[in-house]
Structure formats: C-alpha cells, structure tokens
Amino acid sequence: MKLFARAHEEDAYVREALEQHTGRFHRSLRLNTGFGFCLTTLNAMLVTSTAGLAMLLWSNGSVEVGTVAMAIPLTWQIVNAAGWVAYQITSIFENVVWCRKA
C-alpha cells in the first residue's frame, strides 16, 4: 500500500533510472562494436599480408608453392581462433560484471 505517493515523482525516478541504464547499455554496445571492428580489421590485414608476402616470395622463387598453399589456411585458422578467444573473453567479462552486481 502506498501512502502519499506522487505519480510524477515516481515517473521521474523510473525515467532517470531507465535513461541511466540506456546510456550505459549504449556505451557497452559502442565498446563492443569498436572491439569487433578492430579485431576484424586486424584479421583482414593478417590474411591479406600473409597471402601477399607468400605470393611475393613464391614469385621470387624463395619458397615453394606448397608453402603458399600451407600459409594461407594456417592464417585462416589463426583468424578463427582469434574470433573464438575474443568471444570467450567477452563472455568472461560479462559474467564478471553480472557477479559483481549480485
């Protein structure tokens, strides 16, 4: 039972809490988006530079074609592992935040 409740004060309190939560959620999304963009950019640069360097070395006769055929899939595996590690780290930090709130 509420005694002497003022609807506009309760609404203002809820609005303030909701705006604060929304602001923090947006900051979290911006951080996550920036992290994903950086990781994707670095992974693309890794694959491109490895393929370019392998092709350059192969065209100069420094390495065999099998080395080029091996380097690109290995780089792709590193990219996939980096994505998995990033997902796991994000999951750990989300769990730490939830445990800290409880």
PDB file of N, CA and C in Angstrom:
ATOM      1  N   MET A   1       0.840  -1.144   0.000  1.00  0.00           N
ATOM      2  CA  MET A   1       0.000   0.000   0.000  1.00  0.00           C
ATOM      3  C   MET A   1       0.906   1.234   0.000  1.00  0.00           C
ATOM      4  N   LYS A   2       0.597   2.144  -0.856  1.00  0.00           N
ATOM      5  CA  LYS A   2       1.357   3.386  -0.934  1.00  0.00           C
ATOM      6  C   LYS A   2       0.545   4.503  -0.299  1.00  0.00           C
ATOM      7  N   LEU A   3       1.197   5.197   0.589  1.00  0.00           N
ATOM      8  CA  LEU A   3       0.562   6.349   1.200  1.00  0.00           C
ATOM      9  C   LEU A   3       1.275   7.603   0.717  1.00  0.00           C
ATOM     10  N   PHE A   4       0.529   8.564   0.349  1.00  0.00           N
ATOM     11  CA  PHE A   4       1.055   9.868  -0.055  1.00  0.00           C
ATOM     12  C   PHE A   4       2.001   9.774  -1.255  1.00  0.00           C
ATOM     13  N   ALA A   5       1.702   8.913  -2.183  1.00  0.00           N
ATOM     14  CA  ALA A   5       2.537   8.760  -3.375  1.00  0.00           C
ATOM     15  C   ALA A   5       2.201   9.843  -4.385  1.00  0.00           C
ATOM     16  N   ARG A   6       3.243  10.318  -5.055  1.00  0.00           N
ATOM     17  CA  ARG A   6       3.070  11.304  -6.133  1.00  0.00           C
ATOM     18  C   ARG A   6       3.495  10.648  -7.437  1.00  0.00           C
ATOM     19  N   ALA A   7       2.572  10.555  -8.336  1.00  0.00           N
ATOM     20  CA  ALA A   7       2.825   9.841  -9.589  1.00  0.00           C
ATOM     21  C   ALA A   7       3.959  10.468 -10.379  1.00  0.00           C
ATOM     22  N   HIS A   8       4.017  11.799 -10.439  1.00  0.00           N
ATOM     23  CA  HIS A   8       5.055  12.434 -11.252  1.00  0.00           C
ATOM     24  C   HIS A   8       6.447  12.209 -10.669  1.00  0.00           C
ATOM     25  N   GLU A   9       6.587  12.107  -9.346  1.00  0.00           N
ATOM     26  CA  GLU A   9       7.893  11.822  -8.750  1.00  0.00           C
ATOM     27  C   GLU A   9       8.316  10.381  -9.017  1.00  0.00           C
ATOM     28  N   GLU A  10       7.384   9.468  -8.943  1.00  0.00           N
ATOM     29  CA  GLU A  10       7.699   8.074  -9.246  1.00  0.00           C
ATOM     30  C   GLU A  10       8.063   7.920 -10.714  1.00  0.00           C
ATOM     31  N   ASP A  11       7.329   8.569 -11.594  1.00  0.00           N
ATOM     32  CA  ASP A  11       7.636   8.514 -13.014  1.00  0.00           C
ATOM     33  C   ASP A  11       9.003   9.110 -13.306  1.00  0.00           C
ATOM     34  N   ALA A  12       9.342  10.204 -12.646  1.00  0.00           N
ATOM     35  CA  ALA A  12      10.652  10.836 -12.846  1.00  0.00           C
ATOM     36  C   ALA A  12      11.771   9.911 -12.386  1.00  0.00           C
ATOM     37  N   TYR A  13      11.579   9.224 -11.266  1.00  0.00           N
ATOM     38  CA  TYR A  13      12.581   8.295 -10.754  1.00  0.00           C
ATOM     39  C   TYR A  13      12.799   7.143 -11.732  1.00  0.00           C
ATOM     40  N   VAL A  14      11.716   6.589 -12.229  1.00  0.00           N
ATOM     41  CA  VAL A  14      11.812   5.477 -13.188  1.00  0.00           C
ATOM     42  C   VAL A  14      12.449   5.955 -14.479  1.00  0.00           C
ATOM     43  N   ARG A  15      12.073   7.139 -14.945  1.00  0.00           N
ATOM     44  CA  ARG A  15      12.644   7.682 -16.177  1.00  0.00           C
ATOM     45  C   ARG A  15      14.154   7.887 -16.031  1.00  0.00           C
ATOM     46  N   GLU A  16      14.581   8.423 -14.907  1.00  0.00           N
ATOM     47  CA  GLU A  16      16.013   8.661 -14.678  1.00  0.00           C
ATOM     48  C   GLU A  16      16.788   7.337 -14.655  1.00  0.00           C
ATOM     49  N   ALA A  17      16.237   6.346 -13.970  1.00  0.00           N
ATOM     50  CA  ALA A  17      16.896   5.037 -13.911  1.00  0.00           C
ATOM     51  C   ALA A  17      16.959   4.399 -15.297  1.00  0.00           C
ATOM     52  N   LEU A  18      15.892   4.526 -16.062  1.00  0.00           N
ATOM     53  CA  LEU A  18      15.863   3.956 -17.403  1.00  0.00           C
ATOM     54  C   LEU A  18      16.846   4.667 -18.329  1.00  0.00           C
ATOM     55  N   GLU A  19      16.931   5.985 -18.244  1.00  0.00           N
ATOM     56  CA  GLU A  19      17.876   6.731 -19.072  1.00  0.00           C
ATOM     57  C   GLU A  19      19.314   6.391 -18.704  1.00  0.00           C
ATOM     58  N   GLN A  20      19.583   6.220 -17.411  1.00  0.00           N
ATOM     59  CA  GLN A  20      20.924   5.847 -16.978  1.00  0.00           C
ATOM     60  C   GLN A  20      21.285   4.462 -17.512  1.00  0.00           C
ATOM     61  N   HIS A  21      20.359   3.527 -17.410  1.00  0.00           N
ATOM     62  CA  HIS A  21      20.601   2.183 -17.918  1.00  0.00           C
ATOM     63  C   HIS A  21      20.811   2.190 -19.429  1.00  0.00           C
ATOM     64  N   THR A  22      19.997   2.932 -20.144  1.00  0.00           N
ATOM     65  CA  THR A  22      20.118   3.009 -21.598  1.00  0.00           C
ATOM     66  C   THR A  22      21.456   3.607 -22.003  1.00  0.00           C
ATOM     67  N   GLY A  23      21.902   4.647 -21.300  1.00  0.00           N
ATOM     68  CA  GLY A  23      23.191   5.255 -21.595  1.00  0.00           C
ATOM     69  C   GLY A  23      24.343   4.278 -21.389  1.00  0.00           C
ATOM     70  N   ARG A  24      24.303   3.534 -20.298  1.00  0.00           N
ATOM     71  CA  ARG A  24      25.349   2.544 -20.049  1.00  0.00           C
ATOM     72  C   ARG A  24      25.317   1.420 -21.071  1.00  0.00           C
ATOM     73  N   PHE A  25      24.121   1.018 -21.468  1.00  0.00           N
ATOM     74  CA  PHE A  25      23.991  -0.032 -22.482  1.00  0.00           C
ATOM     75  C   PHE A  25      24.543   0.443 -23.819  1.00  0.00           C
ATOM     76  N   HIS A  26      24.271   1.684 -24.192  1.00  0.00           N
ATOM     77  CA  HIS A  26      24.807   2.229 -25.447  1.00  0.00           C
ATOM     78  C   HIS A  26      26.324   2.301 -25.415  1.00  0.00           C
ATOM     79  N   ARG A  27      26.896   2.707 -24.274  1.00  0.00           N
ATOM     80  CA  ARG A  27      28.364   2.733 -24.155  1.00  0.00           C
ATOM     81  C   ARG A  27      28.939   1.339 -24.294  1.00  0.00           C
ATOM     82  N   SER A  28      28.265   0.354 -23.712  1.00  0.00           N
ATOM     83  CA  SER A  28      28.710  -1.032 -23.829  1.00  0.00           C
ATOM     84  C   SER A  28      28.661  -1.503 -25.282  1.00  0.00           C
ATOM     85  N   LEU A  29      27.597  -1.160 -25.972  1.00  0.00           N
ATOM     86  CA  LEU A  29      27.484  -1.548 -27.380  1.00  0.00           C
ATOM     87  C   LEU A  29      28.552  -0.868 -28.236  1.00  0.00           C
ATOM     88  N   ARG A  30      28.840   0.420 -27.954  1.00  0.00           N
ATOM     89  CA  ARG A  30      29.892   1.117 -28.703  1.00  0.00           C
ATOM     90  C   ARG A  30      31.249   0.457 -28.477  1.00  0.00           C
ATOM     91  N   LEU A  31      31.538   0.076 -27.249  1.00  0.00           N
ATOM     92  CA  LEU A  31      32.795  -0.584 -26.935  1.00  0.00           C
ATOM     93  C   LEU A  31      32.884  -1.930 -27.645  1.00  0.00           C
ATOM     94  N   ASN A  32      31.810  -2.680 -27.621  1.00  0.00           N
ATOM     95  CA  ASN A  32      31.771  -3.983 -28.281  1.00  0.00           C
ATOM     96  C   ASN A  32      31.918  -3.842 -29.794  1.00  0.00           C
ATOM     97  N   THR A  33      31.273  -2.843 -30.365  1.00  0.00           N
ATOM     98  CA  THR A  33      31.385  -2.612 -31.806  1.00  0.00           C
ATOM     99  C   THR A  33      32.806  -2.207 -32.186  1.00  0.00           C
ATOM    100  N   GLY A  34      33.410  -1.330 -31.399  1.00  0.00           N
ATOM    101  CA  GLY A  34      34.793  -0.925 -31.665  1.00  0.00           C
ATOM    102  C   GLY A  34      35.752  -2.095 -31.560  1.00  0.00           C
ATOM    103  N   PHE A  35      35.553  -2.950 -30.556  1.00  0.00           N
ATOM    104  CA  PHE A  35      36.389  -4.129 -30.401  1.00  0.00           C
ATOM    105  C   PHE A  35      36.246  -5.062 -31.598  1.00  0.00           C
ATOM    106  N   GLY A  36      35.010  -5.303 -32.016  1.00  0.00           N
ATOM    107  CA  GLY A  36      34.771  -6.167 -33.174  1.00  0.00           C
ATOM    108  C   GLY A  36      35.360  -5.593 -34.450  1.00  0.00           C
ATOM    109  N   PHE A  37      35.237  -4.275 -34.621  1.00  0.00           N
ATOM    110  CA  PHE A  37      35.793  -3.637 -35.814  1.00  0.00           C
ATOM    111  C   PHE A  37      37.322  -3.754 -35.831  1.00  0.00           C
ATOM    112  N   CYS A  38      37.956  -3.503 -34.693  1.00  0.00           N
ATOM    113  CA  CYS A  38      39.421  -3.617 -34.616  1.00  0.00           C
ATOM    114  C   CYS A  38      39.877  -5.050 -34.886  1.00  0.00           C
ATOM    115  N   LEU A  39      39.191  -6.014 -34.282  1.00  0.00           N
ATOM    116  CA  LEU A  39      39.561  -7.411 -34.488  1.00  0.00           C
ATOM    117  C   LEU A  39      39.388  -7.823 -35.942  1.00  0.00           C
ATOM    118  N   THR A  40      38.294  -7.430 -36.553  1.00  0.00           N
ATOM    119  CA  THR A  40      38.066  -7.758 -37.955  1.00  0.00           C
ATOM    120  C   THR A  40      39.100  -7.105 -38.857  1.00  0.00           C
ATOM    121  N   THR A  41      39.434  -5.862 -38.583  1.00  0.00           N
ATOM    122  CA  THR A  41      40.442  -5.164 -39.373  1.00  0.00           C
ATOM    123  C   THR A  41      41.805  -5.837 -39.254  1.00  0.00           C
ATOM    124  N   LEU A  42      42.204  -6.147 -38.025  1.00  0.00           N
ATOM    125  CA  LEU A  42      43.494  -6.817 -37.822  1.00  0.00           C
ATOM    126  C   LEU A  42      43.523  -8.193 -38.480  1.00  0.00           C
ATOM    127  N   ASN A  43      42.428  -8.933 -38.393  1.00  0.00           N
ATOM    128  CA  ASN A  43      42.366 -10.248 -39.031  1.00  0.00           C
ATOM    129  C   ASN A  43      42.448 -10.138 -40.547  1.00  0.00           C
ATOM    130  N   ALA A  44      41.768  -9.166 -41.114  1.00  0.00           N
ATOM    131  CA  ALA A  44      41.829  -8.973 -42.571  1.00  0.00           C
ATOM    132  C   ALA A  44      43.234  -8.586 -43.003  1.00  0.00           C
ATOM    133  N   MET A  45      43.879  -7.721 -42.235  1.00  0.00           N
ATOM    134  CA  MET A  45      45.254  -7.334 -42.564  1.00  0.00           C
ATOM    135  C   MET A  45      46.201  -8.527 -42.457  1.00  0.00           C
ATOM    136  N   LEU A  46      45.979  -9.395 -41.470  1.00  0.00           N
ATOM    137  CA  LEU A  46      46.816 -10.581 -41.309  1.00  0.00           C
ATOM    138  C   LEU A  46      46.694 -11.511 -42.505  1.00  0.00           C
ATOM    139  N   VAL A  47      45.470 -11.804 -42.910  1.00  0.00           N
ATOM    140  CA  VAL A  47      45.263 -12.708 -44.046  1.00  0.00           C
ATOM    141  C   VAL A  47      45.817 -12.098 -45.327  1.00  0.00           C
ATOM    142  N   THR A  48      45.528 -10.821 -45.550  1.00  0.00           N
ATOM    143  CA  THR A  48      45.980 -10.156 -46.774  1.00  0.00           C
ATOM    144  C   THR A  48      47.495 -10.063 -46.834  1.00  0.00           C
ATOM    145  N   SER A  49      48.118  -9.661 -45.740  1.00  0.00           N
ATOM    146  CA  SER A  49      49.576  -9.515 -45.757  1.00  0.00           C
ATOM    147  C   SER A  49      50.274 -10.865 -45.866  1.00  0.00           C
ATOM    148  N   THR A  50      49.723 -11.893 -45.223  1.00  0.00           N
ATOM    149  CA  THR A  50      50.324 -13.226 -45.336  1.00  0.00           C
ATOM    150  C   THR A  50      50.219 -13.744 -46.765  1.00  0.00           C
ATOM    151  N   ALA A  51      49.046 -13.589 -47.356  1.00  0.00           N
ATOM    152  CA  ALA A  51      48.875 -14.037 -48.748  1.00  0.00           C
ATOM    153  C   ALA A  51      49.764 -13.239 -49.686  1.00  0.00           C
ATOM    154  N   GLY A  52      49.841 -11.930 -49.490  1.00  0.00           N
ATOM    155  CA  GLY A  52      50.696 -11.102 -50.343  1.00  0.00           C
ATOM    156  C   GLY A  52      52.156 -11.447 -50.212  1.00  0.00           C
ATOM    157  N   LEU A  53      52.612 -11.623 -48.967  1.00  0.00           N
ATOM    158  CA  LEU A  53      54.014 -11.974 -48.747  1.00  0.00           C
ATOM    159  C   LEU A  53      54.325 -13.348 -49.305  1.00  0.00           C
ATOM    160  N   ALA A  54      53.407 -14.302 -49.128  1.00  0.00           N
ATOM    161  CA  ALA A  54      53.622 -15.650 -49.670  1.00  0.00           C
ATOM    162  C   ALA A  54      53.702 -15.619 -51.190  1.00  0.00           C
ATOM    163  N   MET A  55      52.827 -14.849 -51.824  1.00  0.00           N
ATOM    164  CA  MET A  55      52.863 -14.732 -53.293  1.00  0.00           C
ATOM    165  C   MET A  55      54.152 -14.056 -53.763  1.00  0.00           C
ATOM    166  N   LEU A  56      54.574 -13.039 -53.038  1.00  0.00           N
ATOM    167  CA  LEU A  56      55.814 -12.334 -53.396  1.00  0.00           C
ATOM    168  C   LEU A  56      57.013 -13.263 -53.285  1.00  0.00           C
ATOM    169  N   LEU A  57      57.099 -13.996 -52.177  1.00  0.00           N
ATOM    170  CA  LEU A  57      58.210 -14.929 -52.009  1.00  0.00           C
ATOM    171  C   LEU A  57      58.162 -16.049 -53.040  1.00  0.00           C
ATOM    172  N   TRP A  58      56.966 -16.518 -53.377  1.00  0.00           N
ATOM    173  CA  TRP A  58      56.840 -17.568 -54.392  1.00  0.00           C
ATOM    174  C   TRP A  58      57.239 -17.062 -55.766  1.00  0.00           C
ATOM    175  N   SER A  59      56.844 -15.834 -56.095  1.00  0.00           N
ATOM    176  CA  SER A  59      57.203 -15.288 -57.411  1.00  0.00           C
ATOM    177  C   SER A  59      58.696 -15.020 -57.525  1.00  0.00           C
ATOM    178  N   ASN A  60      59.375 -14.770 -56.416  1.00  0.00           N
ATOM    179  CA  ASN A  60      60.833 -14.590 -56.428  1.00  0.00           C
ATOM    180  C   ASN A  60      61.573 -15.920 -56.378  1.00  0.00           C
ATOM    181  N   GLY A  61      60.858 -16.999 -56.167  1.00  0.00           N
ATOM    182  CA  GLY A  61      61.475 -18.319 -56.099  1.00  0.00           C
ATOM    183  C   GLY A  61      62.060 -18.636 -54.734  1.00  0.00           C
ATOM    184  N   SER A  62      61.730 -17.871 -53.726  1.00  0.00           N
ATOM    185  CA  SER A  62      62.265 -18.099 -52.382  1.00  0.00           C
ATOM    186  C   SER A  62      61.577 -19.249 -51.659  1.00  0.00           C
ATOM    187  N   VAL A  63      60.308 -19.489 -51.968  1.00  0.00           N
ATOM    188  CA  VAL A  63      59.565 -20.581 -51.338  1.00  0.00           C
ATOM    189  C   VAL A  63      58.853 -21.394 -52.409  1.00  0.00           C
ATOM    190  N   GLU A  64      58.482 -22.606 -52.048  1.00  0.00           N
ATOM    191  CA  GLU A  64      57.760 -23.487 -52.963  1.00  0.00           C
ATOM    192  C   GLU A  64      56.267 -23.167 -52.928  1.00  0.00           C
ATOM    193  N   VAL A  65      55.547 -23.651 -53.902  1.00  0.00           N
ATOM    194  CA  VAL A  65      54.115 -23.410 -53.975  1.00  0.00           C
ATOM    195  C   VAL A  65      53.381 -24.082 -52.804  1.00  0.00           C
ATOM    196  N   GLY A  66      53.928 -25.173 -52.297  1.00  0.00           N
ATOM    197  CA  GLY A  66      53.321 -25.847 -51.151  1.00  0.00           C
ATOM    198  C   GLY A  66      53.343 -24.978 -49.895  1.00  0.00           C
ATOM    199  N   THR A  67      54.377 -24.155 -49.773  1.00  0.00           N
ATOM    200  CA  THR A  67      54.458 -23.241 -48.631  1.00  0.00           C
ATOM    201  C   THR A  67      53.347 -22.206 -48.700  1.00  0.00           C
ATOM    202  N   VAL A  68      53.087 -21.714 -49.902  1.00  0.00           N
ATOM    203  CA  VAL A  68      51.999 -20.744 -50.080  1.00  0.00           C
ATOM    204  C   VAL A  68      50.663 -21.417 -49.790  1.00  0.00           C
ATOM    205  N   ALA A  69      50.515 -22.664 -50.287  1.00  0.00           N
ATOM    206  CA  ALA A  69      49.267 -23.396 -50.071  1.00  0.00           C
ATOM    207  C   ALA A  69      49.058 -23.736 -48.597  1.00  0.00           C
ATOM    208  N   MET A  70      50.122 -23.791 -47.816  1.00  0.00           N
ATOM    209  CA  MET A  70      50.004 -24.075 -46.396  1.00  0.00           C
ATOM    210  C   MET A  70      49.824 -22.800 -45.571  1.00  0.00           C
ATOM    211  N   ALA A  71      50.446 -21.705 -45.979  1.00  0.00           N
ATOM    212  CA  ALA A  71      50.443 -20.474 -45.180  1.00  0.00           C
ATOM    213  C   ALA A  71      49.052 -19.851 -45.091  1.00  0.00           C
ATOM    214  N   ILE A  72      48.325 -19.847 -46.188  1.00  0.00           N
ATOM    215  CA  ILE A  72      47.021 -19.175 -46.194  1.00  0.00           C
ATOM    216  C   ILE A  72      45.994 -19.904 -45.308  1.00  0.00           C
ATOM    217  N   PRO A  73      45.841 -21.230 -45.400  1.00  0.00           N
ATOM    218  CA  PRO A  73      44.903 -21.894 -44.471  1.00  0.00           C
ATOM    219  C   PRO A  73      45.326 -21.797 -43.001  1.00  0.00           C
ATOM    220  N   LEU A  74      46.639 -21.814 -42.739  1.00  0.00           N
ATOM    221  CA  LEU A  74      47.088 -21.650 -41.355  1.00  0.00           C
ATOM    222  C   LEU A  74      46.726 -20.263 -40.827  1.00  0.00           C
ATOM    223  N   THR A  75      46.867 -19.270 -41.672  1.00  0.00           N
ATOM    224  CA  THR A  75      46.476 -17.917 -41.273  1.00  0.00           C
ATOM    225  C   THR A  75      44.980 -17.849 -41.015  1.00  0.00           C
ATOM    226  N   TRP A  76      44.211 -18.525 -41.837  1.00  0.00           N
ATOM    227  CA  TRP A  76      42.756 -18.546 -41.646  1.00  0.00           C
ATOM    228  C   TRP A  76      42.390 -19.212 -40.322  1.00  0.00           C
ATOM    229  N   GLN A  77      43.126 -20.259 -39.947  1.00  0.00           N
ATOM    230  CA  GLN A  77      42.892 -20.907 -38.658  1.00  0.00           C
ATOM    231  C   GLN A  77      43.203 -19.966 -37.496  1.00  0.00           C
ATOM    232  N   ILE A  78      44.254 -19.164 -37.629  1.00  0.00           N
ATOM    233  CA  ILE A  78      44.594 -18.176 -36.604  1.00  0.00           C
ATOM    234  C   ILE A  78      43.478 -17.147 -36.470  1.00  0.00           C
ATOM    235  N   VAL A  79      42.930 -16.723 -37.598  1.00  0.00           N
ATOM    236  CA  VAL A  79      41.825 -15.763 -37.582  1.00  0.00           C
ATOM    237  C   VAL A  79      40.618 -16.350 -36.859  1.00  0.00           C
ATOM    238  N   ASN A  80      40.301 -17.601 -37.154  1.00  0.00           N
ATOM    239  CA  ASN A  80      39.170 -18.248 -36.476  1.00  0.00           C
ATOM    240  C   ASN A  80      39.428 -18.405 -34.986  1.00  0.00           C
ATOM    241  N   ALA A  81      40.650 -18.752 -34.619  1.00  0.00           N
ATOM    242  CA  ALA A  81      40.995 -18.881 -33.197  1.00  0.00           C
ATOM    243  C   ALA A  81      40.901 -17.528 -32.497  1.00  0.00           C
ATOM    244  N   ALA A  82      41.306 -16.461 -33.171  1.00  0.00           N
ATOM    245  CA  ALA A  82      41.220 -15.125 -32.579  1.00  0.00           C
ATOM    246  C   ALA A  82      39.767 -14.746 -32.309  1.00  0.00           C
ATOM    247  N   GLY A  83      38.873 -15.089 -33.227  1.00  0.00           N
ATOM    248  CA  GLY A  83      37.451 -14.820 -33.011  1.00  0.00           C
ATOM    249  C   GLY A  83      36.897 -15.605 -31.837  1.00  0.00           C
ATOM    250  N   TRP A  84      37.310 -16.864 -31.707  1.00  0.00           N
ATOM    251  CA  TRP A  84      36.845 -17.694 -30.600  1.00  0.00           C
ATOM    252  C   TRP A  84      37.364 -17.151 -29.269  1.00  0.00           C
ATOM    253  N   VAL A  85      38.644 -16.774 -29.219  1.00  0.00           N
ATOM    254  CA  VAL A  85      39.224 -16.225 -27.991  1.00  0.00           C
ATOM    255  C   VAL A  85      38.519 -14.923 -27.607  1.00  0.00           C
ATOM    256  N   ALA A  86      38.258 -14.071 -28.591  1.00  0.00           N
ATOM    257  CA  ALA A  86      37.558 -12.817 -28.313  1.00  0.00           C
ATOM    258  C   ALA A  86      36.165 -13.084 -27.748  1.00  0.00           C
ATOM    259  N   TYR A  87      35.469 -14.059 -28.298  1.00  0.00           N
ATOM    260  CA  TYR A  87      34.134 -14.412 -27.794  1.00  0.00           C
ATOM    261  C   TYR A  87      34.221 -14.896 -26.345  1.00  0.00           C
ATOM    262  N   GLN A  88      35.216 -15.741 -26.045  1.00  0.00           N
ATOM    263  CA  GLN A  88      35.363 -16.272 -24.691  1.00  0.00           C
ATOM    264  C   GLN A  88      35.719 -15.168 -23.691  1.00  0.00           C
ATOM    265  N   ILE A  89      36.600 -14.265 -24.082  1.00  0.00           N
ATOM    266  CA  ILE A  89      36.971 -13.162 -23.195  1.00  0.00           C
ATOM    267  C   ILE A  89      35.775 -12.259 -22.935  1.00  0.00           C
ATOM    268  N   THR A  90      35.007 -11.972 -23.969  1.00  0.00           N
ATOM    269  CA  THR A  90      33.795 -11.164 -23.795  1.00  0.00           C
ATOM    270  C   THR A  90      32.826 -11.847 -22.841  1.00  0.00           C
ATOM    271  N   SER A  91      32.679 -13.153 -22.988  1.00  0.00           N
ATOM    272  CA  SER A  91      31.787 -13.906 -22.109  1.00  0.00           C
ATOM    273  C   SER A  91      32.274 -13.868 -20.661  1.00  0.00           C
ATOM    274  N   ILE A  92      33.584 -13.974 -20.453  1.00  0.00           N
ATOM    275  CA  ILE A  92      34.133 -13.915 -19.095  1.00  0.00           C
ATOM    276  C   ILE A  92      33.841 -12.564 -18.462  1.00  0.00           C
ATOM    277  N   PHE A  93      34.092 -11.482 -19.206  1.00  0.00           N
ATOM    278  CA  PHE A  93      33.858 -10.157 -18.647  1.00  0.00           C
ATOM    279  C   PHE A  93      32.377  -9.900 -18.380  1.00  0.00           C
ATOM    280  N   GLU A  94      31.495 -10.426 -19.228  1.00  0.00           N
ATOM    281  CA  GLU A  94      30.064 -10.286 -18.964  1.00  0.00           C
ATOM    282  C   GLU A  94      29.685 -11.003 -17.672  1.00  0.00           C
ATOM    283  N   ASN A  95      30.263 -12.181 -17.448  1.00  0.00           N
ATOM    284  CA  ASN A  95      29.969 -12.916 -16.217  1.00  0.00           C
ATOM    285  C   ASN A  95      30.537 -12.213 -14.994  1.00  0.00           C
ATOM    286  N   VAL A  96      31.711 -11.597 -15.126  1.00  0.00           N
ATOM    287  CA  VAL A  96      32.296 -10.871 -14.006  1.00  0.00           C
ATOM    288  C   VAL A  96      31.406  -9.701 -13.635  1.00  0.00           C
ATOM    289  N   VAL A  97      30.900  -8.980 -14.635  1.00  0.00           N
ATOM    290  CA  VAL A  97      30.030  -7.845 -14.372  1.00  0.00           C
ATOM    291  C   VAL A  97      28.758  -8.292 -13.683  1.00  0.00           C
ATOM    292  N   TRP A  98      28.160  -9.405 -14.136  1.00  0.00           N
ATOM    293  CA  TRP A  98      26.928  -9.886 -13.524  1.00  0.00           C
ATOM    294  C   TRP A  98      27.169 -10.366 -12.100  1.00  0.00           C
ATOM    295  N   CYS A  99      28.317 -11.000 -11.845  1.00  0.00           N
ATOM    296  CA  CYS A  99      28.620 -11.460 -10.482  1.00  0.00           C
ATOM    297  C   CYS A  99      28.855 -10.276  -9.550  1.00  0.00           C
ATOM    298  N   ARG A 100      29.470  -9.217 -10.071  1.00  0.00           N
ATOM    299  CA  ARG A 100      29.752  -8.057  -9.249  1.00  0.00           C
ATOM    300  C   ARG A 100      28.461  -7.347  -8.852  1.00  0.00           C
ATOM    301  N   LYS A 101      27.451  -7.377  -9.721  1.00  0.00           N
ATOM    302  CA  LYS A 101      26.189  -6.717  -9.432  1.00  0.00           C
ATOM    303  C   LYS A 101      25.378  -7.462  -8.383  1.00  0.00           C
ATOM    304  N   ALA A 102      25.554  -8.761  -8.329  1.00  0.00           N
ATOM    305  CA  ALA A 102      24.745  -9.584  -7.409  1.00  0.00           C
ATOM    306  C   ALA A 102      25.173  -9.429  -5.964  1.00  0.00           C
TER     307      ALA A 102
END
